[in-house]
Amino acid sequence: MMSKYTQDPNYIYYENTNIPINKLNIRNHDVIEDEERKLLTKGYEYFHKKLSESTAFDEQYFKELHRKTFSKLYAFAGKYRTVNISKGYSTFCQVRFLEQTSKEIFKKLQFENYLRDYSTKTKEEFARKIAFYMCELIALHPFFELNGRITRLFFDMIATYNGYEYIDYQDALKIEDGYNLFIKASIDCMTGEDNKMYRILLSGLKKSE
């Protein structure tokens, strides 16, 4: 957790902290982050094993990634937020438009067969498509917390389905001057610019051997 979201009623954090209220009543920043990492690793293992030709990367699947991965820790896991949130200068999709906008994004994704047809297309084409939809979901920011990690998990499953390894974000996630390239690319996404995200994805996509 890099920083706390600003919300209308600010009620998902313990008072005077940036730690979300959780089922284990963890109040220590390092401990909660370690627990999130463990759960995310288990989420990757679970959903990777479940991948099949019938897997539809739709809105229900996206919500299920969040719910299944983090429900042991957070009551809000798998549920779209019910308040407006922002971080720094970025204001995410207003809650009154959230459900409708989400439906529109996943309708577009359905029209493109949930990006399940990119195993034989160029890496550049695939990276461009992922960058577009990743930016759409970043701007949507539908969950109270853990949006970035679940969005990366979502596209890692799509990449794996198409014969790629998990997308390598190692260089993009290195902290420099208080930020990393992924955060900078995400900020650009808020203005409709996905070139930085495209370059991150293009560099991080590698075919499985």
Protein backbone atom coordinates (compact mmCIF):
# COMPACT_ATOMS: atom_id res chain seq x y z
CA MET A 1 0.00 0.00 0.00
CA MET A 2 1.78 3.10 -1.24
CA SER A 3 -0.68 5.63 0.12
CA LYS A 4 -4.20 6.05 1.41
CA TYR A 5 -7.12 6.71 -0.88
CA THR A 6 -9.20 9.83 -0.27
CA GLN A 7 -12.88 8.97 -0.10
CA ASP A 8 -16.25 10.62 0.48
CA PRO A 9 -16.87 9.01 3.87
CA ASN A 10 -13.43 7.69 4.81
CA TYR A 11 -14.46 4.49 6.55
CA ILE A 12 -12.45 1.50 5.34
CA TYR A 13 -9.26 2.35 7.26
CA TYR A 14 -8.39 2.09 10.93
CA GLU A 15 -8.37 5.57 12.42
CA ASN A 16 -5.26 7.61 11.60
CA THR A 17 -3.74 4.82 9.49
CA ASN A 18 -3.61 3.69 5.87
CA ILE A 19 -4.39 0.11 6.90
CA PRO A 20 -7.81 -1.13 5.77
CA ILE A 21 -10.03 -2.65 8.45
CA ASN A 22 -9.48 -6.38 8.12
CA LYS A 23 -10.83 -9.68 9.43
CA LEU A 24 -7.56 -10.50 11.21
CA ASN A 25 -7.47 -7.09 12.92
CA ILE A 26 -3.91 -6.53 11.70
CA ARG A 27 -2.75 -3.00 12.53
CA ASN A 28 0.87 -3.25 11.39
CA HIS A 29 1.73 -2.04 7.89
CA ASP A 30 4.46 -4.63 7.22
CA VAL A 31 2.34 -7.48 8.51
CA ILE A 32 -0.71 -6.56 6.40
CA GLU A 33 1.42 -6.23 3.27
CA ASP A 34 3.01 -9.62 3.94
CA GLU A 35 -0.45 -11.17 4.33
CA GLU A 36 -1.63 -9.57 1.08
CA ARG A 37 1.43 -10.95 -0.75
CA LYS A 38 0.76 -14.47 0.55
CA LEU A 39 -2.89 -14.33 -0.48
CA LEU A 40 -2.00 -12.96 -3.91
CA THR A 41 0.46 -15.81 -4.48
CA LYS A 42 -2.27 -18.31 -3.58
CA GLY A 43 -4.65 -16.47 -5.91
CA TYR A 44 -2.22 -16.86 -8.80
CA GLU A 45 -1.87 -20.57 -8.10
CA TYR A 46 -5.62 -21.12 -7.82
CA PHE A 47 -6.68 -19.24 -10.94
CA HIS A 48 -3.80 -20.55 -13.04
CA LYS A 49 -4.92 -24.11 -12.32
CA LYS A 50 -8.50 -23.18 -13.26
CA LEU A 51 -7.64 -21.79 -16.71
CA SER A 52 -9.33 -23.63 -19.57
CA GLU A 53 -10.77 -23.04 -23.03
CA SER A 54 -14.08 -22.16 -21.38
CA THR A 55 -12.60 -19.43 -19.18
CA ALA A 56 -14.35 -16.14 -19.95
CA PHE A 57 -12.41 -13.11 -18.76
CA ASP A 58 -15.60 -11.20 -18.03
CA GLU A 59 -16.75 -8.89 -15.26
CA GLN A 60 -17.82 -11.78 -13.04
CA TYR A 61 -14.37 -13.36 -13.42
CA PHE A 62 -12.69 -10.03 -12.60
CA LYS A 63 -14.74 -9.69 -9.40
CA GLU A 64 -14.08 -13.31 -8.52
CA LEU A 65 -10.33 -12.74 -8.75
CA HIS A 66 -10.64 -10.08 -6.07
CA ARG A 67 -13.14 -11.99 -3.92
CA LYS A 68 -11.39 -15.36 -3.94
CA THR A 69 -7.93 -13.89 -3.44
CA PHE A 70 -8.64 -11.49 -0.60
CA SER A 71 -11.88 -12.59 1.11
CA LYS A 72 -9.96 -14.13 4.03
CA LEU A 73 -8.66 -10.68 4.83
CA TYR A 74 -11.23 -8.10 3.70
CA ALA A 75 -15.02 -7.93 3.91
CA PHE A 76 -15.05 -5.75 0.77
CA ALA A 77 -13.26 -8.37 -1.35
CA GLY A 78 -15.01 -8.87 -4.68
CA LYS A 79 -17.38 -5.94 -4.16
CA TYR A 80 -17.29 -2.74 -6.16
CA ARG A 81 -16.80 0.37 -4.08
CA THR A 82 -19.77 2.51 -3.06
CA VAL A 83 -17.98 5.84 -2.63
CA ASN A 84 -15.88 8.14 -4.81
CA ILE A 85 -12.13 7.75 -4.36
CA SER A 86 -9.05 9.60 -5.50
CA LYS A 87 -5.30 9.38 -5.01
CA GLY A 88 -3.08 12.43 -5.37
CA TYR A 89 -4.33 14.35 -8.38
CA SER A 90 -6.09 11.31 -9.86
CA THR A 91 -9.85 11.01 -9.41
CA PHE A 92 -11.20 7.64 -10.45
CA CYS A 93 -14.54 6.85 -12.05
CA GLN A 94 -17.39 8.41 -10.07
CA VAL A 95 -19.34 5.78 -8.24
CA ARG A 96 -22.63 6.73 -9.89
CA PHE A 97 -21.12 5.74 -13.26
CA LEU A 98 -19.03 2.81 -12.04
CA GLU A 99 -21.39 -0.10 -12.73
CA GLN A 100 -22.41 1.24 -16.14
CA THR A 101 -18.82 1.97 -17.18
CA SER A 102 -17.68 -1.46 -16.03
CA LYS A 103 -20.39 -3.11 -18.12
CA GLU A 104 -19.28 -1.08 -21.16
CA ILE A 105 -15.62 -2.08 -20.72
CA PHE A 106 -16.41 -5.77 -20.42
CA LYS A 107 -18.86 -5.61 -23.31
CA LYS A 108 -15.99 -4.34 -25.48
CA LEU A 109 -13.80 -7.10 -24.12
CA GLN A 110 -16.47 -9.69 -24.90
CA PHE A 111 -16.69 -8.39 -28.48
CA GLU A 112 -12.95 -9.14 -28.76
CA ASN A 113 -13.48 -12.65 -27.33
CA TYR A 114 -11.87 -11.56 -24.05
CA LEU A 115 -8.49 -11.35 -25.85
CA ARG A 116 -8.37 -15.14 -26.12
CA ASP A 117 -7.23 -15.05 -29.77
CA TYR A 118 -3.77 -13.52 -29.42
CA SER A 119 -1.60 -16.61 -29.24
CA THR A 120 -0.90 -16.38 -32.99
CA LYS A 121 -0.79 -12.58 -33.30
CA THR A 122 2.23 -10.37 -32.75
CA LYS A 123 3.42 -9.42 -29.30
CA GLU A 124 3.02 -5.77 -30.31
CA GLU A 125 -0.67 -6.27 -31.12
CA PHE A 126 -1.23 -8.11 -27.85
CA ALA A 127 0.61 -5.49 -25.78
CA ARG A 128 -1.40 -2.71 -27.40
CA LYS A 129 -4.71 -4.40 -26.59
CA ILE A 130 -3.72 -5.15 -22.99
CA ALA A 131 -2.51 -1.55 -22.54
CA PHE A 132 -5.88 -0.22 -23.69
CA TYR A 133 -7.95 -2.41 -21.39
CA MET A 134 -5.55 -2.11 -18.49
CA CYS A 135 -5.85 1.67 -18.68
CA GLU A 136 -9.63 1.37 -18.82
CA LEU A 137 -9.67 -0.70 -15.63
CA ILE A 138 -7.14 1.56 -13.90
CA ALA A 139 -9.34 4.58 -14.58
CA LEU A 140 -12.37 2.58 -13.39
CA HIS A 141 -10.60 1.57 -10.13
CA PRO A 142 -13.68 -0.37 -9.05
CA PHE A 143 -12.50 -1.80 -5.73
CA PHE A 144 -11.76 -0.05 -2.45
CA GLU A 145 -8.21 -1.43 -2.42
CA LEU A 146 -5.85 -3.74 -4.34
CA ASN A 147 -6.97 -2.57 -7.77
CA GLY A 148 -3.48 -2.61 -9.29
CA ARG A 149 -2.64 -6.09 -8.11
CA ILE A 150 -5.94 -7.58 -9.24
CA THR A 151 -5.73 -5.84 -12.61
CA ARG A 152 -2.24 -7.29 -13.12
CA LEU A 153 -3.50 -10.73 -12.03
CA PHE A 154 -6.37 -10.42 -14.52
CA PHE A 155 -4.07 -9.72 -17.47
CA ASP A 156 -1.52 -12.27 -16.32
CA MET A 157 -4.24 -14.90 -16.64
CA ILE A 158 -5.10 -13.62 -20.14
CA ALA A 159 -1.40 -13.65 -21.06
CA THR A 160 -1.00 -17.21 -19.74
CA TYR A 161 -4.06 -18.34 -21.67
CA ASN A 162 -2.39 -17.06 -24.85
CA GLY A 163 0.86 -18.93 -24.24
CA TYR A 164 2.84 -16.21 -22.49
CA GLU A 165 4.53 -16.17 -19.11
CA TYR A 166 3.23 -13.82 -16.43
CA ILE A 167 3.96 -10.25 -17.50
CA ASP A 168 7.28 -9.11 -16.04
CA TYR A 169 6.82 -5.78 -14.24
CA GLN A 170 10.06 -6.02 -12.27
CA ASP A 171 11.75 -2.96 -13.76
CA ALA A 172 8.50 -0.97 -13.93
CA LEU A 173 7.82 -1.50 -10.20
CA LYS A 174 11.20 -0.25 -8.97
CA ILE A 175 10.79 2.86 -6.80
CA GLU A 176 12.51 5.98 -8.10
CA ASP A 177 11.88 9.47 -6.69
CA GLY A 178 8.97 8.11 -4.66
CA TYR A 179 7.26 6.63 -7.72
CA ASN A 180 7.72 3.77 -10.14
CA LEU A 181 7.18 3.52 -13.88
CA PHE A 182 3.96 1.56 -13.44
CA ILE A 183 2.44 4.30 -11.28
CA LYS A 184 3.57 6.96 -13.77
CA ALA A 185 2.03 4.94 -16.60
CA SER A 186 -1.15 4.54 -14.55
CA ILE A 187 -1.36 8.30 -14.04
CA ASP A 188 -1.08 8.74 -17.81
CA CYS A 189 -3.92 6.23 -18.20
CA MET A 190 -6.17 8.67 -16.34
CA THR A 191 -5.72 11.14 -19.21
CA GLY A 192 -6.34 8.53 -21.90
CA GLU A 193 -2.65 8.06 -22.72
CA ASP A 194 -1.48 4.44 -22.78
CA ASN A 195 1.93 4.66 -24.49
CA LYS A 196 3.95 4.24 -21.27
CA MET A 197 1.82 1.27 -20.26
CA TYR A 198 2.23 -0.21 -23.74
CA ARG A 199 6.03 0.00 -23.47
CA ILE A 200 5.97 -1.65 -20.03
CA LEU A 201 3.80 -4.47 -21.35
CA LEU A 202 5.77 -4.93 -24.55
CA SER A 203 8.96 -5.29 -22.51
CA GLY A 204 7.31 -7.62 -20.01
CA LEU A 205 5.60 -10.04 -22.39
CA LYS A 206 7.55 -13.23 -23.08
CA LYS A 207 6.29 -16.41 -24.71
CA SER A 208 6.35 -19.56 -22.58
CA GLU A 209 8.88 -22.17 -23.68
